[in-house]
């Protein structure tokens, strides 16, 4: 959580999969729901990426570990791009 607001860090993770692996990757991504750092929403999309996952975690490091240690290591995930959500006042 950010100390100033107590809010979780939120990011959008754009996920590219290998040909023929999309359904298997979706099943594994669904297993990442719940826990301190988690996938809170997952959409299959068209274009250069196959999924956009909305993830949350208590810290930026926790979100980074979710992306690199859990999402990025799923068999069939070929690339991720993480976009951190920010507040514009």
C-alpha atoms as a PDB file:
ATOM      1  CA  UNK A   1       0.000   0.000   0.000  1.00  0.00           C
ATOM      2  CA  UNK A   2       1.163   3.490  -0.590  1.00  0.00           C
ATOM      3  CA  UNK A   3       1.858   5.083   2.767  1.00  0.00           C
ATOM      4  CA  UNK A   4       0.108   8.349   1.963  1.00  0.00           C
ATOM      5  CA  UNK A   5      -3.238   6.899   0.860  1.00  0.00           C
ATOM      6  CA  UNK A   6      -3.324   3.267   1.971  1.00  0.00           C
ATOM      7  CA  UNK A   7      -4.333   2.296  -1.582  1.00  0.00           C
ATOM      8  CA  UNK A   8      -3.016  -0.707  -3.463  1.00  0.00           C
ATOM      9  CA  UNK A   9      -0.721  -0.230  -6.448  1.00  0.00           C
ATOM     10  CA  UNK A  10      -2.583  -0.966  -9.694  1.00  0.00           C
ATOM     11  CA  UNK A  11      -1.171  -1.855 -13.088  1.00  0.00           C
ATOM     12  CA  UNK A  12      -2.299  -3.047 -16.485  1.00  0.00           C
ATOM     13  CA  UNK A  13      -0.293  -5.967 -17.822  1.00  0.00           C
ATOM     14  CA  UNK A  14      -0.412  -6.546 -21.582  1.00  0.00           C
ATOM     15  CA  UNK A  15       0.313 -10.205 -22.273  1.00  0.00           C
ATOM     16  CA  UNK A  16       1.367 -11.852 -25.524  1.00  0.00           C
ATOM     17  CA  UNK A  17       1.104 -15.628 -25.867  1.00  0.00           C
ATOM     18  CA  UNK A  18       2.630 -18.218 -28.165  1.00  0.00           C
ATOM     19  CA  UNK A  19       0.469 -19.629 -30.946  1.00  0.00           C
ATOM     20  CA  UNK A  20      -1.871 -22.312 -29.652  1.00  0.00           C
ATOM     21  CA  UNK A  21      -1.240 -21.473 -25.978  1.00  0.00           C
ATOM     22  CA  UNK A  22      -3.930 -18.844 -25.371  1.00  0.00           C
ATOM     23  CA  UNK A  23      -6.450 -21.103 -23.584  1.00  0.00           C
ATOM     24  CA  UNK A  24      -3.785 -22.696 -21.379  1.00  0.00           C
ATOM     25  CA  UNK A  25      -2.396 -19.272 -20.438  1.00  0.00           C
ATOM     26  CA  UNK A  26      -5.899 -18.019 -19.580  1.00  0.00           C
ATOM     27  CA  UNK A  27      -6.397 -20.980 -17.250  1.00  0.00           C
ATOM     28  CA  UNK A  28      -3.102 -20.259 -15.460  1.00  0.00           C
ATOM     29  CA  UNK A  29      -3.817 -16.529 -15.199  1.00  0.00           C
ATOM     30  CA  UNK A  30      -7.170 -17.319 -13.561  1.00  0.00           C
ATOM     31  CA  UNK A  31      -5.275 -19.200 -10.834  1.00  0.00           C
ATOM     32  CA  UNK A  32      -3.456 -16.003  -9.860  1.00  0.00           C
ATOM     33  CA  UNK A  33      -6.626 -14.404  -8.497  1.00  0.00           C
ATOM     34  CA  UNK A  34      -6.610 -13.838  -4.753  1.00  0.00           C
ATOM     35  CA  UNK A  35      -3.691 -13.094  -2.450  1.00  0.00           C
ATOM     36  CA  UNK A  36      -1.802  -9.912  -1.603  1.00  0.00           C
ATOM     37  CA  UNK A  37      -0.713  -9.336  -5.211  1.00  0.00           C
ATOM     38  CA  UNK A  38      -3.361 -10.539  -7.586  1.00  0.00           C
ATOM     39  CA  UNK A  39      -4.992 -10.432 -10.986  1.00  0.00           C
ATOM     40  CA  UNK A  40      -8.260  -8.591 -10.341  1.00  0.00           C
ATOM     41  CA  UNK A  41      -9.557  -8.608 -13.922  1.00  0.00           C
ATOM     42  CA  UNK A  42      -8.583 -10.326 -17.164  1.00  0.00           C
ATOM     43  CA  UNK A  43      -9.742  -9.525 -20.690  1.00  0.00           C
ATOM     44  CA  UNK A  44      -8.873 -11.350 -23.891  1.00  0.00           C
ATOM     45  CA  UNK A  45      -8.223  -8.717 -26.578  1.00  0.00           C
ATOM     46  CA  UNK A  46      -7.406  -8.443 -30.266  1.00  0.00           C
ATOM     47  CA  UNK A  47      -4.300  -6.771 -31.626  1.00  0.00           C
ATOM     48  CA  UNK A  48      -0.635  -7.279 -30.776  1.00  0.00           C
ATOM     49  CA  UNK A  49      -1.470  -8.651 -27.294  1.00  0.00           C
ATOM     50  CA  UNK A  50      -3.755 -11.520 -26.319  1.00  0.00           C
ATOM     51  CA  UNK A  51      -4.743 -10.443 -22.801  1.00  0.00           C
ATOM     52  CA  UNK A  52      -4.868  -7.349 -20.638  1.00  0.00           C
ATOM     53  CA  UNK A  53      -4.739  -8.156 -16.935  1.00  0.00           C
ATOM     54  CA  UNK A  54      -5.514  -5.637 -14.236  1.00  0.00           C
ATOM     55  CA  UNK A  55      -3.303  -6.426 -11.245  1.00  0.00           C
ATOM     56  CA  UNK A  56      -3.002  -5.001  -7.746  1.00  0.00           C
ATOM     57  CA  UNK A  57      -0.449  -5.311  -5.000  1.00  0.00           C
ATOM     58  CA  UNK A  58       0.525  -3.612  -1.755  1.00  0.00           C
ATOM     59  CA  UNK A  59       3.757  -2.180  -3.241  1.00  0.00           C
ATOM     60  CA  UNK A  60       5.371  -1.579  -6.594  1.00  0.00           C
ATOM     61  CA  UNK A  61       7.834  -4.375  -5.806  1.00  0.00           C
ATOM     62  CA  UNK A  62       4.969  -6.782  -5.094  1.00  0.00           C
ATOM     63  CA  UNK A  63       3.348  -5.948  -8.433  1.00  0.00           C
ATOM     64  CA  UNK A  64       6.720  -6.408 -10.146  1.00  0.00           C
ATOM     65  CA  UNK A  65       7.195  -9.820  -8.547  1.00  0.00           C
ATOM     66  CA  UNK A  66       3.693 -10.881  -9.616  1.00  0.00           C
ATOM     67  CA  UNK A  67       4.495  -9.932 -13.206  1.00  0.00           C
ATOM     68  CA  UNK A  68       8.027 -11.340 -13.399  1.00  0.00           C
ATOM     69  CA  UNK A  69       7.820 -14.371 -11.092  1.00  0.00           C
ATOM     70  CA  UNK A  70       4.269 -15.544 -11.735  1.00  0.00           C
ATOM     71  CA  UNK A  71       2.813 -14.155 -14.973  1.00  0.00           C
ATOM     72  CA  UNK A  72       6.035 -14.076 -16.973  1.00  0.00           C
ATOM     73  CA  UNK A  73       6.908 -17.672 -16.100  1.00  0.00           C
ATOM     74  CA  UNK A  74       3.616 -19.177 -17.311  1.00  0.00           C
ATOM     75  CA  UNK A  75       4.264 -21.624 -20.142  1.00  0.00           C
ATOM     76  CA  UNK A  76       3.130 -19.901 -23.334  1.00  0.00           C
ATOM     77  CA  UNK A  77       3.620 -16.289 -22.214  1.00  0.00           C
ATOM     78  CA  UNK A  78       6.109 -14.786 -24.650  1.00  0.00           C
ATOM     79  CA  UNK A  79       6.066 -11.127 -23.594  1.00  0.00           C
ATOM     80  CA  UNK A  80       4.540  -8.769 -21.055  1.00  0.00           C
ATOM     81  CA  UNK A  81       4.319  -5.006 -20.919  1.00  0.00           C
ATOM     82  CA  UNK A  82       3.366  -3.431 -17.598  1.00  0.00           C
ATOM     83  CA  UNK A  83       1.681  -0.033 -17.388  1.00  0.00           C
ATOM     84  CA  UNK A  84       1.425   1.359 -13.866  1.00  0.00           C
ATOM     85  CA  UNK A  85      -1.815   3.230 -13.137  1.00  0.00           C
ATOM     86  CA  UNK A  86      -1.241   6.747 -11.846  1.00  0.00           C
ATOM     87  CA  UNK A  87      -3.384   9.528 -10.461  1.00  0.00           C
ATOM     88  CA  UNK A  88      -3.412  12.825 -12.305  1.00  0.00           C
ATOM     89  CA  UNK A  89      -4.550  15.699 -10.128  1.00  0.00           C
END
